[in-house]
Amino acid sequence: MSRPPRHLADLDLAARRQAVADLGERPFRADQLSRHYFGRYTDTGEDMTDLPAALRERLAADDALRPDVDVDEATDILWLLVHPDVGRLLVDVRGWKPARYEAWCAQTASAQLLAR
């Protein structure tokens, strides 16, 4: 049995930096991807204009969404996960560390959205 495909959003920041470096890109590109995934709620290459065109094309080549999830539903799920109120509740009210919240967002988004 083969392992499921890995999406960069599944990784913590350190692993994302390494994965980007393994693709031949400078590690700071991982920070840019994080801002797009978790700040701007997009994984669409054409929206990532601060990334080189070749990297955007490479990322767009991966058809990552589960077949039963359309883009509108994926947007709703991501919006819910990274909504500032959810972050405030978990970090400020429930006492989660910000890194735990970020990891939870990535893991939950992966489980809900990505093809395996």
C-alpha atoms as a PDB file:
ATOM      1  CA  MET A   1       0.000   0.000   0.000  1.00  0.00           C
ATOM      2  CA  SER A   2       1.449   3.379  -0.951  1.00  0.00           C
ATOM      3  CA  ARG A   3       1.408   6.458   1.208  1.00  0.00           C
ATOM      4  CA  PRO A   4      -1.138   9.181   0.444  1.00  0.00           C
ATOM      5  CA  PRO A   5       0.069  12.265  -1.390  1.00  0.00           C
ATOM      6  CA  ARG A   6       1.481  14.962   0.830  1.00  0.00           C
ATOM      7  CA  HIS A   7       0.166  18.484   0.564  1.00  0.00           C
ATOM      8  CA  LEU A   8       2.346  21.335   1.762  1.00  0.00           C
ATOM      9  CA  ALA A   9      -0.507  22.576   3.973  1.00  0.00           C
ATOM     10  CA  ASP A  10      -0.278  19.292   5.917  1.00  0.00           C
ATOM     11  CA  LEU A  11       3.194  20.168   7.167  1.00  0.00           C
ATOM     12  CA  ASP A  12       4.286  22.360  10.035  1.00  0.00           C
ATOM     13  CA  LEU A  13       6.308  25.392   9.030  1.00  0.00           C
ATOM     14  CA  ALA A  14       9.716  23.760   9.516  1.00  0.00           C
ATOM     15  CA  ALA A  15       8.740  20.748   7.412  1.00  0.00           C
ATOM     16  CA  ARG A  16       7.118  23.027   4.819  1.00  0.00           C
ATOM     17  CA  ARG A  17      10.384  24.990   4.561  1.00  0.00           C
ATOM     18  CA  GLN A  18      12.304  21.757   4.029  1.00  0.00           C
ATOM     19  CA  ALA A  19       9.826  20.501   1.431  1.00  0.00           C
ATOM     20  CA  VAL A  20      10.055  23.776  -0.480  1.00  0.00           C
ATOM     21  CA  ALA A  21      13.853  23.618  -0.325  1.00  0.00           C
ATOM     22  CA  ASP A  22      13.649  20.037  -1.632  1.00  0.00           C
ATOM     23  CA  LEU A  23      11.751  21.437  -4.622  1.00  0.00           C
ATOM     24  CA  GLY A  24      14.713  23.711  -5.317  1.00  0.00           C
ATOM     25  CA  GLU A  25      13.098  26.843  -3.918  1.00  0.00           C
ATOM     26  CA  ARG A  26      14.429  29.079  -1.182  1.00  0.00           C
ATOM     27  CA  PRO A  27      12.914  28.224   2.225  1.00  0.00           C
ATOM     28  CA  PHE A  28      11.230  31.635   2.638  1.00  0.00           C
ATOM     29  CA  ARG A  29       8.786  30.519  -0.070  1.00  0.00           C
ATOM     30  CA  ALA A  30       7.231  28.294   2.617  1.00  0.00           C
ATOM     31  CA  ASP A  31       6.349  31.406   4.613  1.00  0.00           C
ATOM     32  CA  GLN A  32       4.656  32.842   1.545  1.00  0.00           C
ATOM     33  CA  LEU A  33       2.707  29.626   1.010  1.00  0.00           C
ATOM     34  CA  SER A  34       1.621  29.649   4.659  1.00  0.00           C
ATOM     35  CA  ARG A  35       0.249  33.167   4.271  1.00  0.00           C
ATOM     36  CA  HIS A  36      -1.730  32.048   1.225  1.00  0.00           C
ATOM     37  CA  TYR A  37      -3.035  28.813   2.777  1.00  0.00           C
ATOM     38  CA  PHE A  38      -3.840  30.100   6.255  1.00  0.00           C
ATOM     39  CA  GLY A  39      -4.119  33.875   5.863  1.00  0.00           C
ATOM     40  CA  ARG A  40      -5.645  34.405   2.455  1.00  0.00           C
ATOM     41  CA  TYR A  41      -7.433  31.039   2.376  1.00  0.00           C
ATOM     42  CA  THR A  42      -6.261  30.115  -1.088  1.00  0.00           C
ATOM     43  CA  ASP A  43      -4.251  27.381  -2.675  1.00  0.00           C
ATOM     44  CA  THR A  44      -4.891  28.593  -6.208  1.00  0.00           C
ATOM     45  CA  GLY A  45      -1.675  29.376  -8.029  1.00  0.00           C
ATOM     46  CA  GLU A  46      -3.071  32.342  -9.925  1.00  0.00           C
ATOM     47  CA  ASP A  47      -3.847  34.048  -6.598  1.00  0.00           C
ATOM     48  CA  MET A  48      -0.261  33.670  -5.402  1.00  0.00           C
ATOM     49  CA  THR A  49       1.269  36.449  -7.440  1.00  0.00           C
ATOM     50  CA  ASP A  50       4.197  36.868  -5.042  1.00  0.00           C
ATOM     51  CA  LEU A  51       5.436  33.379  -5.998  1.00  0.00           C
ATOM     52  CA  PRO A  52       7.398  32.709  -9.185  1.00  0.00           C
ATOM     53  CA  ALA A  53       5.213  31.589 -12.094  1.00  0.00           C
ATOM     54  CA  ALA A  54       7.063  28.270 -12.384  1.00  0.00           C
ATOM     55  CA  LEU A  55       6.326  27.419  -8.744  1.00  0.00           C
ATOM     56  CA  ARG A  56       2.670  28.450  -9.115  1.00  0.00           C
ATOM     57  CA  GLU A  57       2.344  26.156 -12.137  1.00  0.00           C
ATOM     58  CA  ARG A  58       3.972  23.306 -10.261  1.00  0.00           C
ATOM     59  CA  LEU A  59       1.598  23.700  -7.330  1.00  0.00           C
ATOM     60  CA  ALA A  60      -1.429  23.995  -9.614  1.00  0.00           C
ATOM     61  CA  ALA A  61      -0.535  20.718 -11.316  1.00  0.00           C
ATOM     62  CA  ASP A  62      -1.500  18.813  -8.170  1.00  0.00           C
ATOM     63  CA  ASP A  63      -5.230  18.081  -8.054  1.00  0.00           C
ATOM     64  CA  ALA A  64      -5.437  17.988  -4.285  1.00  0.00           C
ATOM     65  CA  LEU A  65      -9.145  18.293  -3.383  1.00  0.00           C
ATOM     66  CA  ARG A  66     -11.221  15.237  -2.583  1.00  0.00           C
ATOM     67  CA  PRO A  67     -13.549  14.492  -5.491  1.00  0.00           C
ATOM     68  CA  ASP A  68     -16.642  14.968  -3.292  1.00  0.00           C
ATOM     69  CA  VAL A  69     -15.579  18.482  -2.204  1.00  0.00           C
ATOM     70  CA  ASP A  70     -16.032  21.372  -4.600  1.00  0.00           C
ATOM     71  CA  VAL A  71     -14.184  24.667  -4.383  1.00  0.00           C
ATOM     72  CA  ASP A  72     -17.103  26.465  -2.712  1.00  0.00           C
ATOM     73  CA  GLU A  73     -17.358  23.865   0.054  1.00  0.00           C
ATOM     74  CA  ALA A  74     -13.575  23.848   0.489  1.00  0.00           C
ATOM     75  CA  THR A  75     -13.660  27.621   0.853  1.00  0.00           C
ATOM     76  CA  ASP A  76     -16.369  27.367   3.520  1.00  0.00           C
ATOM     77  CA  ILE A  77     -14.419  24.758   5.473  1.00  0.00           C
ATOM     78  CA  LEU A  78     -11.190  26.755   5.334  1.00  0.00           C
ATOM     79  CA  TRP A  79     -13.015  29.942   6.266  1.00  0.00           C
ATOM     80  CA  LEU A  80     -14.440  28.239   9.343  1.00  0.00           C
ATOM     81  CA  LEU A  81     -11.112  26.717  10.406  1.00  0.00           C
ATOM     82  CA  VAL A  82      -9.072  29.895  10.155  1.00  0.00           C
ATOM     83  CA  HIS A  83     -11.732  32.388  11.158  1.00  0.00           C
ATOM     84  CA  PRO A  84     -10.267  34.800  13.733  1.00  0.00           C
ATOM     85  CA  ASP A  85     -13.062  34.009  16.204  1.00  0.00           C
ATOM     86  CA  VAL A  86     -12.162  30.302  16.170  1.00  0.00           C
ATOM     87  CA  GLY A  87      -8.507  31.155  16.745  1.00  0.00           C
ATOM     88  CA  ARG A  88      -9.374  33.512  19.596  1.00  0.00           C
ATOM     89  CA  LEU A  89     -11.624  30.938  21.239  1.00  0.00           C
ATOM     90  CA  LEU A  90      -9.061  28.158  21.093  1.00  0.00           C
ATOM     91  CA  VAL A  91      -5.971  30.241  21.894  1.00  0.00           C
ATOM     92  CA  ASP A  92      -7.274  32.978  24.183  1.00  0.00           C
ATOM     93  CA  VAL A  93     -10.222  31.264  25.861  1.00  0.00           C
ATOM     94  CA  ARG A  94      -9.259  27.589  25.833  1.00  0.00           C
ATOM     95  CA  GLY A  95      -5.529  28.204  26.287  1.00  0.00           C
ATOM     96  CA  TRP A  96      -4.156  26.485  23.182  1.00  0.00           C
ATOM     97  CA  LYS A  97      -0.683  27.506  22.065  1.00  0.00           C
ATOM     98  CA  PRO A  98      -0.727  29.255  18.660  1.00  0.00           C
ATOM     99  CA  ALA A  99       1.423  26.459  17.197  1.00  0.00           C
ATOM    100  CA  ARG A 100      -1.160  23.886  18.322  1.00  0.00           C
ATOM    101  CA  TYR A 101      -3.937  25.881  16.651  1.00  0.00           C
ATOM    102  CA  GLU A 102      -1.916  26.153  13.421  1.00  0.00           C
ATOM    103  CA  ALA A 103      -1.191  22.416  13.450  1.00  0.00           C
ATOM    104  CA  TRP A 104      -4.848  21.623  14.163  1.00  0.00           C
ATOM    105  CA  CYS A 105      -5.958  23.839  11.278  1.00  0.00           C
ATOM    106  CA  ALA A 106      -3.553  22.108   8.910  1.00  0.00           C
ATOM    107  CA  GLN A 107      -4.497  18.607  10.064  1.00  0.00           C
ATOM    108  CA  THR A 108      -8.222  19.285  10.005  1.00  0.00           C
ATOM    109  CA  ALA A 109      -8.090  20.990   6.614  1.00  0.00           C
ATOM    110  CA  SER A 110      -6.098  18.077   5.251  1.00  0.00           C
ATOM    111  CA  ALA A 111      -8.529  15.501   6.596  1.00  0.00           C
ATOM    112  CA  GLN A 112     -11.599  17.387   5.347  1.00  0.00           C
ATOM    113  CA  LEU A 113     -10.365  18.567   1.969  1.00  0.00           C
ATOM    114  CA  LEU A 114      -7.482  16.678   0.483  1.00  0.00           C
ATOM    115  CA  ALA A 115      -7.607  13.602  -1.672  1.00  0.00           C
ATOM    116  CA  ARG A 116      -5.742  10.689  -0.115  1.00  0.00           C
END
